[in-house]
Amino acid sequence: MRVPYILLVESNPILAKILLSILRDKLCFQALSATTIKDALTVIKTHLPRFLLLDEVLLDGEGIAFYDYLHQHVVIMPLPTIMLSRHITQCQQWVGQRHITCVPLTTNSDDLAQVLANLLN
């Protein structure tokens, strides 16, 4: 049985810990995390997420390439995605027809929690 949850794909362990705390403790979401595209694919094969919270640059590739791969080869329905970006202008150029919302990483944790709450509810 597939349970709705958020999958966080973030290569920075400190940032991943902060984001998981926001998702789980402040927003009360179920959340799993992966640090690489390979790990994220393994998780998605057994637990399809309701949302994807995705870093723009991962250890084994770019977040946007992973998003495109998922939608071409793995998921049937569009998977709403929040792309965490240090380069918000570039991220917004990627959006196009994709179901992606770009969120700047320069935001403090309380502001980020509010942005995520607005986007995920």
PDB file of N, CA and C in Angstrom:
ATOM      1  N   MET A   1       0.844  -1.187   0.000  1.00  0.00           N
ATOM      2  CA  MET A   1       0.000   0.000   0.000  1.00  0.00           C
ATOM      3  C   MET A   1       0.885   1.245   0.000  1.00  0.00           C
ATOM      4  N   ARG A   2       0.541   2.200  -0.840  1.00  0.00           N
ATOM      5  CA  ARG A   2       1.340   3.413  -0.938  1.00  0.00           C
ATOM      6  C   ARG A   2       0.738   4.516  -0.074  1.00  0.00           C
ATOM      7  N   VAL A   3       1.549   5.047   0.816  1.00  0.00           N
ATOM      8  CA  VAL A   3       1.121   6.090   1.740  1.00  0.00           C
ATOM      9  C   VAL A   3       1.619   7.429   1.219  1.00  0.00           C
ATOM     10  N   PRO A   4       0.746   8.469   1.140  1.00  0.00           N
ATOM     11  CA  PRO A   4       1.202   9.775   0.662  1.00  0.00           C
ATOM     12  C   PRO A   4       2.232  10.376   1.618  1.00  0.00           C
ATOM     13  N   TYR A   5       3.267  10.916   1.052  1.00  0.00           N
ATOM     14  CA  TYR A   5       4.311  11.556   1.845  1.00  0.00           C
ATOM     15  C   TYR A   5       5.119  12.471   0.943  1.00  0.00           C
ATOM     16  N   ILE A   6       6.057  13.176   1.555  1.00  0.00           N
ATOM     17  CA  ILE A   6       6.959  14.052   0.820  1.00  0.00           C
ATOM     18  C   ILE A   6       8.324  13.379   0.770  1.00  0.00           C
ATOM     19  N   LEU A   7       8.915  13.385  -0.409  1.00  0.00           N
ATOM     20  CA  LEU A   7      10.282  12.889  -0.546  1.00  0.00           C
ATOM     21  C   LEU A   7      11.210  14.086  -0.697  1.00  0.00           C
ATOM     22  N   LEU A   8      12.143  14.194   0.224  1.00  0.00           N
ATOM     23  CA  LEU A   8      13.168  15.227   0.171  1.00  0.00           C
ATOM     24  C   LEU A   8      14.413  14.623  -0.463  1.00  0.00           C
ATOM     25  N   VAL A   9      14.884  15.241  -1.529  1.00  0.00           N
ATOM     26  CA  VAL A   9      16.122  14.799  -2.173  1.00  0.00           C
ATOM     27  C   VAL A   9      17.113  15.955  -2.049  1.00  0.00           C
ATOM     28  N   GLU A  10      18.022  15.817  -1.103  1.00  0.00           N
ATOM     29  CA  GLU A  10      18.962  16.897  -0.757  1.00  0.00           C
ATOM     30  C   GLU A  10      20.305  16.281  -0.400  1.00  0.00           C
ATOM     31  N   SER A  11      21.373  16.759  -1.042  1.00  0.00           N
ATOM     32  CA  SER A  11      22.704  16.184  -0.831  1.00  0.00           C
ATOM     33  C   SER A  11      23.443  16.768   0.376  1.00  0.00           C
ATOM     34  N   ASN A  12      23.047  17.932   0.847  1.00  0.00           N
ATOM     35  CA  ASN A  12      23.694  18.563   1.992  1.00  0.00           C
ATOM     36  C   ASN A  12      23.062  18.022   3.275  1.00  0.00           C
ATOM     37  N   PRO A  13      23.806  17.262   4.090  1.00  0.00           N
ATOM     38  CA  PRO A  13      23.201  16.632   5.270  1.00  0.00           C
ATOM     39  C   PRO A  13      22.677  17.623   6.311  1.00  0.00           C
ATOM     40  N   ILE A  14      23.318  18.764   6.452  1.00  0.00           N
ATOM     41  CA  ILE A  14      22.858  19.761   7.417  1.00  0.00           C
ATOM     42  C   ILE A  14      21.535  20.362   6.958  1.00  0.00           C
ATOM     43  N   LEU A  15      21.472  20.741   5.696  1.00  0.00           N
ATOM     44  CA  LEU A  15      20.241  21.298   5.148  1.00  0.00           C
ATOM     45  C   LEU A  15      19.127  20.254   5.152  1.00  0.00           C
ATOM     46  N   ALA A  16      19.456  19.014   4.840  1.00  0.00           N
ATOM     47  CA  ALA A  16      18.455  17.939   4.858  1.00  0.00           C
ATOM     48  C   ALA A  16      17.857  17.796   6.258  1.00  0.00           C
ATOM     49  N   LYS A  17      18.692  17.867   7.278  1.00  0.00           N
ATOM     50  CA  LYS A  17      18.219  17.747   8.659  1.00  0.00           C
ATOM     51  C   LYS A  17      17.266  18.897   9.004  1.00  0.00           C
ATOM     52  N   ILE A  18      17.615  20.111   8.590  1.00  0.00           N
ATOM     53  CA  ILE A  18      16.764  21.279   8.837  1.00  0.00           C
ATOM     54  C   ILE A  18      15.430  21.127   8.115  1.00  0.00           C
ATOM     55  N   LEU A  19      15.488  20.740   6.852  1.00  0.00           N
ATOM     56  CA  LEU A  19      14.267  20.589   6.062  1.00  0.00           C
ATOM     57  C   LEU A  19      13.374  19.478   6.601  1.00  0.00           C
ATOM     58  N   LEU A  20      13.962  18.358   6.989  1.00  0.00           N
ATOM     59  CA  LEU A  20      13.165  17.272   7.568  1.00  0.00           C
ATOM     60  C   LEU A  20      12.508  17.725   8.873  1.00  0.00           C
ATOM     61  N   SER A  21      13.219  18.504   9.665  1.00  0.00           N
ATOM     62  CA  SER A  21      12.648  19.032  10.903  1.00  0.00           C
ATOM     63  C   SER A  21      11.452  19.933  10.596  1.00  0.00           C
ATOM     64  N   ILE A  22      11.600  20.798   9.603  1.00  0.00           N
ATOM     65  CA  ILE A  22      10.486  21.671   9.210  1.00  0.00           C
ATOM     66  C   ILE A  22       9.305  20.829   8.757  1.00  0.00           C
ATOM     67  N   LEU A  23       9.550  19.877   7.871  1.00  0.00           N
ATOM     68  CA  LEU A  23       8.466  19.062   7.323  1.00  0.00           C
ATOM     69  C   LEU A  23       7.771  18.230   8.396  1.00  0.00           C
ATOM     70  N   ARG A  24       8.553  17.591   9.229  1.00  0.00           N
ATOM     71  CA  ARG A  24       7.988  16.674  10.230  1.00  0.00           C
ATOM     72  C   ARG A  24       7.464  17.393  11.475  1.00  0.00           C
ATOM     73  N   ASP A  25       8.281  18.280  12.037  1.00  0.00           N
ATOM     74  CA  ASP A  25       7.948  18.885  13.329  1.00  0.00           C
ATOM     75  C   ASP A  25       7.054  20.117  13.218  1.00  0.00           C
ATOM     76  N   LYS A  26       7.356  20.991  12.281  1.00  0.00           N
ATOM     77  CA  LYS A  26       6.569  22.222  12.162  1.00  0.00           C
ATOM     78  C   LYS A  26       5.315  22.030  11.323  1.00  0.00           C
ATOM     79  N   LEU A  27       5.416  21.219  10.258  1.00  0.00           N
ATOM     80  CA  LEU A  27       4.289  21.072   9.330  1.00  0.00           C
ATOM     81  C   LEU A  27       3.546  19.749   9.483  1.00  0.00           C
ATOM     82  N   CYS A  28       4.086  18.848  10.288  1.00  0.00           N
ATOM     83  CA  CYS A  28       3.453  17.550  10.568  1.00  0.00           C
ATOM     84  C   CYS A  28       3.214  16.704   9.314  1.00  0.00           C
ATOM     85  N   PHE A  29       4.153  16.714   8.403  1.00  0.00           N
ATOM     86  CA  PHE A  29       4.091  15.862   7.218  1.00  0.00           C
ATOM     87  C   PHE A  29       4.931  14.614   7.441  1.00  0.00           C
ATOM     88  N   GLN A  30       4.555  13.541   6.774  1.00  0.00           N
ATOM     89  CA  GLN A  30       5.428  12.387   6.700  1.00  0.00           C
ATOM     90  C   GLN A  30       6.473  12.720   5.661  1.00  0.00           C
ATOM     91  N   ALA A  31       7.717  12.425   5.944  1.00  0.00           N
ATOM     92  CA  ALA A  31       8.781  12.756   4.992  1.00  0.00           C
ATOM     93  C   ALA A  31       9.869  11.707   5.045  1.00  0.00           C
ATOM     94  N   LEU A  32      10.345  11.340   3.876  1.00  0.00           N
ATOM     95  CA  LEU A  32      11.514  10.494   3.723  1.00  0.00           C
ATOM     96  C   LEU A  32      12.557  11.313   3.011  1.00  0.00           C
ATOM     97  N   SER A  33      13.811  10.894   3.110  1.00  0.00           N
ATOM     98  CA  SER A  33      14.851  11.658   2.430  1.00  0.00           C
ATOM     99  C   SER A  33      15.806  10.737   1.693  1.00  0.00           C
ATOM    100  N   ALA A  34      16.437  11.313   0.705  1.00  0.00           N
ATOM    101  CA  ALA A  34      17.474  10.642  -0.075  1.00  0.00           C
ATOM    102  C   ALA A  34      18.534  11.686  -0.382  1.00  0.00           C
ATOM    103  N   THR A  35      19.787  11.234  -0.500  1.00  0.00           N
ATOM    104  CA  THR A  35      20.863  12.179  -0.785  1.00  0.00           C
ATOM    105  C   THR A  35      21.313  12.129  -2.234  1.00  0.00           C
ATOM    106  N   THR A  36      20.888  11.101  -2.952  1.00  0.00           N
ATOM    107  CA  THR A  36      21.281  10.959  -4.356  1.00  0.00           C
ATOM    108  C   THR A  36      20.071  10.598  -5.209  1.00  0.00           C
ATOM    109  N   ILE A  37      20.215  10.765  -6.502  1.00  0.00           N
ATOM    110  CA  ILE A  37      19.171  10.363  -7.443  1.00  0.00           C
ATOM    111  C   ILE A  37      18.942   8.856  -7.353  1.00  0.00           C
ATOM    112  N   LYS A  38      20.018   8.108  -7.273  1.00  0.00           N
ATOM    113  CA  LYS A  38      19.914   6.651  -7.187  1.00  0.00           C
ATOM    114  C   LYS A  38      19.095   6.239  -5.968  1.00  0.00           C
ATOM    115  N   ASP A  39      19.396   6.840  -4.821  1.00  0.00           N
ATOM    116  CA  ASP A  39      18.640   6.525  -3.606  1.00  0.00           C
ATOM    117  C   ASP A  39      17.176   6.951  -3.732  1.00  0.00           C
ATOM    118  N   ALA A  40      16.941   8.107  -4.331  1.00  0.00           N
ATOM    119  CA  ALA A  40      15.570   8.596  -4.509  1.00  0.00           C
ATOM    120  C   ALA A  40      14.762   7.652  -5.392  1.00  0.00           C
ATOM    121  N   LEU A  41      15.367   7.148  -6.452  1.00  0.00           N
ATOM    122  CA  LEU A  41      14.671   6.197  -7.329  1.00  0.00           C
ATOM    123  C   LEU A  41      14.313   4.923  -6.586  1.00  0.00           C
ATOM    124  N   THR A  42      15.212   4.461  -5.735  1.00  0.00           N
ATOM    125  CA  THR A  42      14.942   3.268  -4.932  1.00  0.00           C
ATOM    126  C   THR A  42      13.729   3.499  -4.033  1.00  0.00           C
ATOM    127  N   VAL A  43      13.671   4.650  -3.390  1.00  0.00           N
ATOM    128  CA  VAL A  43      12.550   4.976  -2.508  1.00  0.00           C
ATOM    129  C   VAL A  43      11.262   5.080  -3.307  1.00  0.00           C
ATOM    130  N   ILE A  44      11.294   5.767  -4.424  1.00  0.00           N
ATOM    131  CA  ILE A  44      10.091   6.007  -5.225  1.00  0.00           C
ATOM    132  C   ILE A  44       9.493   4.706  -5.764  1.00  0.00           C
ATOM    133  N   LYS A  45      10.331   3.724  -6.019  1.00  0.00           N
ATOM    134  CA  LYS A  45       9.819   2.435  -6.530  1.00  0.00           C
ATOM    135  C   LYS A  45       8.918   1.735  -5.511  1.00  0.00           C
ATOM    136  N   THR A  46       9.111   2.010  -4.229  1.00  0.00           N
ATOM    137  CA  THR A  46       8.272   1.373  -3.210  1.00  0.00           C
ATOM    138  C   THR A  46       7.277   2.330  -2.561  1.00  0.00           C
ATOM    139  N   HIS A  47       7.548   3.626  -2.579  1.00  0.00           N
ATOM    140  CA  HIS A  47       6.680   4.624  -1.947  1.00  0.00           C
ATOM    141  C   HIS A  47       6.583   5.855  -2.848  1.00  0.00           C
ATOM    142  N   LEU A  48       5.531   5.941  -3.631  1.00  0.00           N
ATOM    143  CA  LEU A  48       5.366   7.097  -4.511  1.00  0.00           C
ATOM    144  C   LEU A  48       4.977   8.319  -3.682  1.00  0.00           C
ATOM    145  N   PRO A  49       5.784   9.381  -3.722  1.00  0.00           N
ATOM    146  CA  PRO A  49       5.481  10.550  -2.888  1.00  0.00           C
ATOM    147  C   PRO A  49       4.326  11.383  -3.441  1.00  0.00           C
ATOM    148  N   ARG A  50       3.722  12.154  -2.553  1.00  0.00           N
ATOM    149  CA  ARG A  50       2.692  13.117  -2.956  1.00  0.00           C
ATOM    150  C   ARG A  50       3.346  14.380  -3.516  1.00  0.00           C
ATOM    151  N   PHE A  51       4.495  14.725  -2.936  1.00  0.00           N
ATOM    152  CA  PHE A  51       5.289  15.874  -3.366  1.00  0.00           C
ATOM    153  C   PHE A  51       6.760  15.490  -3.381  1.00  0.00           C
ATOM    154  N   LEU A  52       7.502  16.207  -4.180  1.00  0.00           N
ATOM    155  CA  LEU A  52       8.946  16.043  -4.232  1.00  0.00           C
ATOM    156  C   LEU A  52       9.566  17.377  -3.846  1.00  0.00           C
ATOM    157  N   LEU A  53      10.439  17.359  -2.875  1.00  0.00           N
ATOM    158  CA  LEU A  53      11.204  18.542  -2.464  1.00  0.00           C
ATOM    159  C   LEU A  53      12.628  18.269  -2.909  1.00  0.00           C
ATOM    160  N   LEU A  54      13.081  18.998  -3.917  1.00  0.00           N
ATOM    161  CA  LEU A  54      14.257  18.604  -4.684  1.00  0.00           C
ATOM    162  C   LEU A  54      15.308  19.698  -4.735  1.00  0.00           C
ATOM    163  N   ASP A  55      16.542  19.321  -4.427  1.00  0.00           N
ATOM    164  CA  ASP A  55      17.675  20.232  -4.554  1.00  0.00           C
ATOM    165  C   ASP A  55      18.021  20.366  -6.033  1.00  0.00           C
ATOM    166  N   GLU A  56      18.538  21.517  -6.422  1.00  0.00           N
ATOM    167  CA  GLU A  56      18.861  21.714  -7.837  1.00  0.00           C
ATOM    168  C   GLU A  56      20.126  20.970  -8.259  1.00  0.00           C
ATOM    169  N   VAL A  57      21.060  20.758  -7.332  1.00  0.00           N
ATOM    170  CA  VAL A  57      22.295  20.045  -7.648  1.00  0.00           C
ATOM    171  C   VAL A  57      22.482  18.928  -6.629  1.00  0.00           C
ATOM    172  N   LEU A  58      22.589  17.700  -7.135  1.00  0.00           N
ATOM    173  CA  LEU A  58      22.769  16.536  -6.270  1.00  0.00           C
ATOM    174  C   LEU A  58      24.133  15.914  -6.525  1.00  0.00           C
ATOM    175  N   LEU A  59      24.504  14.962  -5.688  1.00  0.00           N
ATOM    176  CA  LEU A  59      25.818  14.333  -5.818  1.00  0.00           C
ATOM    177  C   LEU A  59      25.987  13.593  -7.141  1.00  0.00           C
ATOM    178  N   ASP A  60      24.890  13.054  -7.668  1.00  0.00           N
ATOM    179  CA  ASP A  60      24.991  12.259  -8.889  1.00  0.00           C
ATOM    180  C   ASP A  60      24.197  12.840 -10.056  1.00  0.00           C
ATOM    181  N   GLY A  61      23.947  14.139 -10.034  1.00  0.00           N
ATOM    182  CA  GLY A  61      23.272  14.762 -11.171  1.00  0.00           C
ATOM    183  C   GLY A  61      22.529  16.027 -10.777  1.00  0.00           C
ATOM    184  N   GLU A  62      21.843  16.602 -11.747  1.00  0.00           N
ATOM    185  CA  GLU A  62      21.071  17.817 -11.520  1.00  0.00           C
ATOM    186  C   GLU A  62      19.625  17.470 -11.202  1.00  0.00           C
ATOM    187  N   GLY A  63      19.041  18.244 -10.302  1.00  0.00           N
ATOM    188  CA  GLY A  63      17.661  18.014  -9.901  1.00  0.00           C
ATOM    189  C   GLY A  63      16.685  18.064 -11.063  1.00  0.00           C
ATOM    190  N   ILE A  64      16.873  18.997 -11.982  1.00  0.00           N
ATOM    191  CA  ILE A  64      15.939  19.134 -13.104  1.00  0.00           C
ATOM    192  C   ILE A  64      16.011  17.917 -14.030  1.00  0.00           C
ATOM    193  N   ALA A  65      17.200  17.366 -14.220  1.00  0.00           N
ATOM    194  CA  ALA A  65      17.344  16.156 -15.046  1.00  0.00           C
ATOM    195  C   ALA A  65      16.651  14.978 -14.364  1.00  0.00           C
ATOM    196  N   PHE A  66      16.759  14.900 -13.035  1.00  0.00           N
ATOM    197  CA  PHE A  66      16.070  13.845 -12.291  1.00  0.00           C
ATOM    198  C   PHE A  66      14.563  14.000 -12.428  1.00  0.00           C
ATOM    199  N   TYR A  67      14.057  15.228 -12.300  1.00  0.00           N
ATOM    200  CA  TYR A  67      12.626  15.496 -12.461  1.00  0.00           C
ATOM    201  C   TYR A  67      12.146  15.020 -13.837  1.00  0.00           C
ATOM    202  N   ASP A  68      12.887  15.394 -14.874  1.00  0.00           N
ATOM    203  CA  ASP A  68      12.503  14.996 -16.236  1.00  0.00           C
ATOM    204  C   ASP A  68      12.537  13.483 -16.407  1.00  0.00           C
ATOM    205  N   TYR A  69      13.559  12.833 -15.870  1.00  0.00           N
ATOM    206  CA  TYR A  69      13.661  11.376 -15.953  1.00  0.00           C
ATOM    207  C   TYR A  69      12.448  10.716 -15.283  1.00  0.00           C
ATOM    208  N   LEU A  70      12.105  11.191 -14.090  1.00  0.00           N
ATOM    209  CA  LEU A  70      10.950  10.635 -13.379  1.00  0.00           C
ATOM    210  C   LEU A  70       9.690  10.704 -14.230  1.00  0.00           C
ATOM    211  N   HIS A  71       9.471  11.834 -14.847  1.00  0.00           N
ATOM    212  CA  HIS A  71       8.243  12.029 -15.606  1.00  0.00           C
ATOM    213  C   HIS A  71       8.248  11.319 -16.953  1.00  0.00           C
ATOM    214  N   GLN A  72       9.404  10.964 -17.433  1.00  0.00           N
ATOM    215  CA  GLN A  72       9.479  10.221 -18.690  1.00  0.00           C
ATOM    216  C   GLN A  72       9.455   8.714 -18.478  1.00  0.00           C
ATOM    217  N   HIS A  73       9.958   8.242 -17.327  1.00  0.00           N
ATOM    218  CA  HIS A  73      10.160   6.810 -17.155  1.00  0.00           C
ATOM    219  C   HIS A  73       9.534   6.180 -15.921  1.00  0.00           C
ATOM    220  N   VAL A  74       9.124   6.962 -14.940  1.00  0.00           N
ATOM    221  CA  VAL A  74       8.704   6.358 -13.675  1.00  0.00           C
ATOM    222  C   VAL A  74       7.258   6.684 -13.314  1.00  0.00           C
ATOM    223  N   VAL A  75       6.900   7.947 -13.245  1.00  0.00           N
ATOM    224  CA  VAL A  75       5.559   8.326 -12.797  1.00  0.00           C
ATOM    225  C   VAL A  75       4.643   8.596 -13.976  1.00  0.00           C
ATOM    226  N   ILE A  76       3.377   8.287 -13.782  1.00  0.00           N
ATOM    227  CA  ILE A  76       2.387   8.493 -14.839  1.00  0.00           C
ATOM    228  C   ILE A  76       1.777   9.890 -14.723  1.00  0.00           C
ATOM    229  N   MET A  77       1.405  10.270 -13.513  1.00  0.00           N
ATOM    230  CA  MET A  77       0.803  11.580 -13.269  1.00  0.00           C
ATOM    231  C   MET A  77       1.898  12.587 -12.926  1.00  0.00           C
ATOM    232  N   PRO A  78       1.669  13.874 -13.203  1.00  0.00           N
ATOM    233  CA  PRO A  78       2.659  14.882 -12.808  1.00  0.00           C
ATOM    234  C   PRO A  78       2.879  14.858 -11.297  1.00  0.00           C
ATOM    235  N   LEU A  79       4.110  14.950 -10.900  1.00  0.00           N
ATOM    236  CA  LEU A  79       4.481  14.933  -9.487  1.00  0.00           C
ATOM    237  C   LEU A  79       4.834  16.359  -9.074  1.00  0.00           C
ATOM    238  N   PRO A  80       3.957  17.006  -8.282  1.00  0.00           N
ATOM    239  CA  PRO A  80       4.271  18.379  -7.871  1.00  0.00           C
ATOM    240  C   PRO A  80       5.628  18.431  -7.159  1.00  0.00           C
ATOM    241  N   THR A  81       6.425  19.397  -7.583  1.00  0.00           N
ATOM    242  CA  THR A  81       7.804  19.466  -7.090  1.00  0.00           C
ATOM    243  C   THR A  81       8.140  20.875  -6.645  1.00  0.00           C
ATOM    244  N   ILE A  82       8.806  20.948  -5.510  1.00  0.00           N
ATOM    245  CA  ILE A  82       9.369  22.205  -5.034  1.00  0.00           C
ATOM    246  C   ILE A  82      10.873  22.090  -5.224  1.00  0.00           C
ATOM    247  N   MET A  83      11.432  22.964  -6.044  1.00  0.00           N
ATOM    248  CA  MET A  83      12.862  22.961  -6.329  1.00  0.00           C
ATOM    249  C   MET A  83      13.534  23.989  -5.430  1.00  0.00           C
ATOM    250  N   LEU A  84      14.452  23.514  -4.604  1.00  0.00           N
ATOM    251  CA  LEU A  84      15.234  24.396  -3.731  1.00  0.00           C
ATOM    252  C   LEU A  84      16.418  24.915  -4.526  1.00  0.00           C
ATOM    253  N   SER A  85      16.530  26.233  -4.606  1.00  0.00           N
ATOM    254  CA  SER A  85      17.533  26.797  -5.506  1.00  0.00           C
ATOM    255  C   SER A  85      18.266  27.981  -4.905  1.00  0.00           C
ATOM    256  N   ARG A  86      19.562  28.005  -5.142  1.00  0.00           N
ATOM    257  CA  ARG A  86      20.356  29.177  -4.802  1.00  0.00           C
ATOM    258  C   ARG A  86      20.354  30.167  -5.970  1.00  0.00           C
ATOM    259  N   HIS A  87      19.924  29.704  -7.130  1.00  0.00           N
ATOM    260  CA  HIS A  87      19.893  30.512  -8.356  1.00  0.00           C
ATOM    261  C   HIS A  87      18.453  30.562  -8.852  1.00  0.00           C
ATOM    262  N   ILE A  88      17.647  31.377  -8.210  1.00  0.00           N
ATOM    263  CA  ILE A  88      16.208  31.378  -8.446  1.00  0.00           C
ATOM    264  C   ILE A  88      15.851  31.750  -9.881  1.00  0.00           C
ATOM    265  N   THR A  89      16.601  32.652 -10.498  1.00  0.00           N
ATOM    266  CA  THR A  89      16.304  33.043 -11.880  1.00  0.00           C
ATOM    267  C   THR A  89      16.469  31.857 -12.823  1.00  0.00           C
ATOM    268  N   GLN A  90      17.548  31.114 -12.665  1.00  0.00           N
ATOM    269  CA  GLN A  90      17.770  29.927 -13.496  1.00  0.00           C
ATOM    270  C   GLN A  90      16.683  28.892 -13.249  1.00  0.00           C
ATOM    271  N   CYS A  91      16.323  28.688 -12.007  1.00  0.00           N
ATOM    272  CA  CYS A  91      15.280  27.720 -11.667  1.00  0.00           C
ATOM    273  C   CYS A  91      13.960  28.089 -12.341  1.00  0.00           C
ATOM    274  N   GLN A  92      13.614  29.360 -12.299  1.00  0.00           N
ATOM    275  CA  GLN A  92      12.360  29.797 -12.906  1.00  0.00           C
ATOM    276  C   GLN A  92      12.365  29.596 -14.417  1.00  0.00           C
ATOM    277  N   GLN A  93      13.534  29.627 -15.048  1.00  0.00           N
ATOM    278  CA  GLN A  93      13.629  29.359 -16.483  1.00  0.00           C
ATOM    279  C   GLN A  93      13.341  27.894 -16.792  1.00  0.00           C
ATOM    280  N   TRP A  94      13.660  27.006 -15.839  1.00  0.00           N
ATOM    281  CA  TRP A  94      13.427  25.576 -16.034  1.00  0.00           C
ATOM    282  C   TRP A  94      11.959  25.194 -15.956  1.00  0.00           C
ATOM    283  N   VAL A  95      11.169  25.997 -15.280  1.00  0.00           N
ATOM    284  CA  VAL A  95       9.801  25.614 -14.963  1.00  0.00           C
ATOM    285  C   VAL A  95       9.002  25.249 -16.208  1.00  0.00           C
ATOM    286  N   GLY A  96       8.853  26.163 -17.156  1.00  0.00           N
ATOM    287  CA  GLY A  96       8.117  25.869 -18.388  1.00  0.00           C
ATOM    288  C   GLY A  96       6.817  25.145 -18.114  1.00  0.00           C
ATOM    289  N   GLN A  97       6.635  23.976 -18.740  1.00  0.00           N
ATOM    290  CA  GLN A  97       5.427  23.175 -18.570  1.00  0.00           C
ATOM    291  C   GLN A  97       5.533  22.202 -17.395  1.00  0.00           C
ATOM    292  N   ARG A  98       6.617  22.234 -16.680  1.00  0.00           N
ATOM    293  CA  ARG A  98       6.809  21.320 -15.561  1.00  0.00           C
ATOM    294  C   ARG A  98       5.993  21.778 -14.342  1.00  0.00           C
ATOM    295  N   HIS A  99       5.647  20.851 -13.489  1.00  0.00           N
ATOM    296  CA  HIS A  99       4.925  21.149 -12.243  1.00  0.00           C
ATOM    297  C   HIS A  99       5.934  21.425 -11.135  1.00  0.00           C
ATOM    298  N   ILE A 100       6.675  22.525 -11.292  1.00  0.00           N
ATOM    299  CA  ILE A 100       7.737  22.884 -10.359  1.00  0.00           C
ATOM    300  C   ILE A 100       7.489  24.285  -9.813  1.00  0.00           C
ATOM    301  N   THR A 101       7.708  24.431  -8.522  1.00  0.00           N
ATOM    302  CA  THR A 101       7.727  25.740  -7.885  1.00  0.00           C
ATOM    303  C   THR A 101       9.131  25.947  -7.350  1.00  0.00           C
ATOM    304  N   CYS A 102       9.736  27.071  -7.675  1.00  0.00           N
ATOM    305  CA  CYS A 102      11.096  27.370  -7.218  1.00  0.00           C
ATOM    306  C   CYS A 102      11.041  28.141  -5.899  1.00  0.00           C
ATOM    307  N   VAL A 103      11.876  27.698  -4.957  1.00  0.00           N
ATOM    308  CA  VAL A 103      11.961  28.354  -3.650  1.00  0.00           C
ATOM    309  C   VAL A 103      13.428  28.678  -3.389  1.00  0.00           C
ATOM    310  N   PRO A 104      13.727  29.938  -3.077  1.00  0.00           N
ATOM    311  CA  PRO A 104      15.119  30.301  -2.809  1.00  0.00           C
ATOM    312  C   PRO A 104      15.616  29.730  -1.484  1.00  0.00           C
ATOM    313  N   LEU A 105      16.848  29.283  -1.482  1.00  0.00           N
ATOM    314  CA  LEU A 105      17.444  28.746  -0.264  1.00  0.00           C
ATOM    315  C   LEU A 105      17.995  29.822   0.645  1.00  0.00           C
ATOM    316  N   THR A 106      17.894  31.068   0.247  1.00  0.00           N
ATOM    317  CA  THR A 106      18.406  32.157   1.072  1.00  0.00           C
ATOM    318  C   THR A 106      17.439  32.513   2.192  1.00  0.00           C
ATOM    319  N   THR A 107      16.293  31.872   2.218  1.00  0.00           N
ATOM    320  CA  THR A 107      15.260  32.147   3.203  1.00  0.00           C
ATOM    321  C   THR A 107      15.636  31.542   4.558  1.00  0.00           C
ATOM    322  N   ASN A 108      15.291  32.225   5.665  1.00  0.00           N
ATOM    323  CA  ASN A 108      15.536  31.631   6.984  1.00  0.00           C
ATOM    324  C   ASN A 108      14.541  30.496   7.226  1.00  0.00           C
ATOM    325  N   SER A 109      14.773  29.678   8.244  1.00  0.00           N
ATOM    326  CA  SER A 109      13.974  28.462   8.415  1.00  0.00           C
ATOM    327  C   SER A 109      12.502  28.747   8.707  1.00  0.00           C
ATOM    328  N   ASP A 110      12.196  29.818   9.427  1.00  0.00           N
ATOM    329  CA  ASP A 110      10.792  30.138   9.698  1.00  0.00           C
ATOM    330  C   ASP A 110      10.074  30.578   8.422  1.00  0.00           C
ATOM    331  N   ASP A 111      10.742  31.394   7.609  1.00  0.00           N
ATOM    332  CA  ASP A 111      10.155  31.812   6.341  1.00  0.00           C
ATOM    333  C   ASP A 111       9.997  30.627   5.398  1.00  0.00           C
ATOM    334  N   LEU A 112      11.004  29.760   5.384  1.00  0.00           N
ATOM    335  CA  LEU A 112      10.942  28.568   4.538  1.00  0.00           C
ATOM    336  C   LEU A 112       9.795  27.666   4.983  1.00  0.00           C
ATOM    337  N   ALA A 113       9.599  27.518   6.279  1.00  0.00           N
ATOM    338  CA  ALA A 113       8.488  26.718   6.795  1.00  0.00           C
ATOM    339  C   ALA A 113       7.152  27.289   6.324  1.00  0.00           C
ATOM    340  N   GLN A 114       7.023  28.614   6.333  1.00  0.00           N
ATOM    341  CA  GLN A 114       5.777  29.244   5.883  1.00  0.00           C
ATOM    342  C   GLN A 114       5.557  29.031   4.392  1.00  0.00           C
ATOM    343  N   VAL A 115       6.613  29.189   3.606  1.00  0.00           N
ATOM    344  CA  VAL A 115       6.512  28.973   2.154  1.00  0.00           C
ATOM    345  C   VAL A 115       6.103  27.534   1.869  1.00  0.00           C
ATOM    346  N   LEU A 116       6.751  26.584   2.531  1.00  0.00           N
ATOM    347  CA  LEU A 116       6.418  25.178   2.322  1.00  0.00           C
ATOM    348  C   LEU A 116       4.982  24.879   2.762  1.00  0.00           C
ATOM    349  N   ALA A 117       4.561  25.437   3.882  1.00  0.00           N
ATOM    350  CA  ALA A 117       3.192  25.224   4.338  1.00  0.00           C
ATOM    351  C   ALA A 117       2.187  25.725   3.309  1.00  0.00           C
ATOM    352  N   ASN A 118       2.440  26.896   2.750  1.00  0.00           N
ATOM    353  CA  ASN A 118       1.548  27.447   1.731  1.00  0.00           C
ATOM    354  C   ASN A 118       1.508  26.580   0.471  1.00  0.00           C
ATOM    355  N   LEU A 119       2.671  26.065   0.063  1.00  0.00           N
ATOM    356  CA  LEU A 119       2.738  25.276  -1.162  1.00  0.00           C
ATOM    357  C   LEU A 119       2.195  23.869  -0.993  1.00  0.00           C
ATOM    358  N   LEU A 120       2.351  23.280   0.174  1.00  0.00           N
ATOM    359  CA  LEU A 120       1.987  21.885   0.372  1.00  0.00           C
ATOM    360  C   LEU A 120       0.556  21.679   0.828  1.00  0.00           C
ATOM    361  N   ASN A 121      -0.101  22.719   1.237  1.00  0.00           N
ATOM    362  CA  ASN A 121      -1.506  22.577   1.691  1.00  0.00           C
ATOM    363  C   ASN A 121      -2.476  22.981   0.635  1.00  0.00           C
TER     364      ASN A 121
END
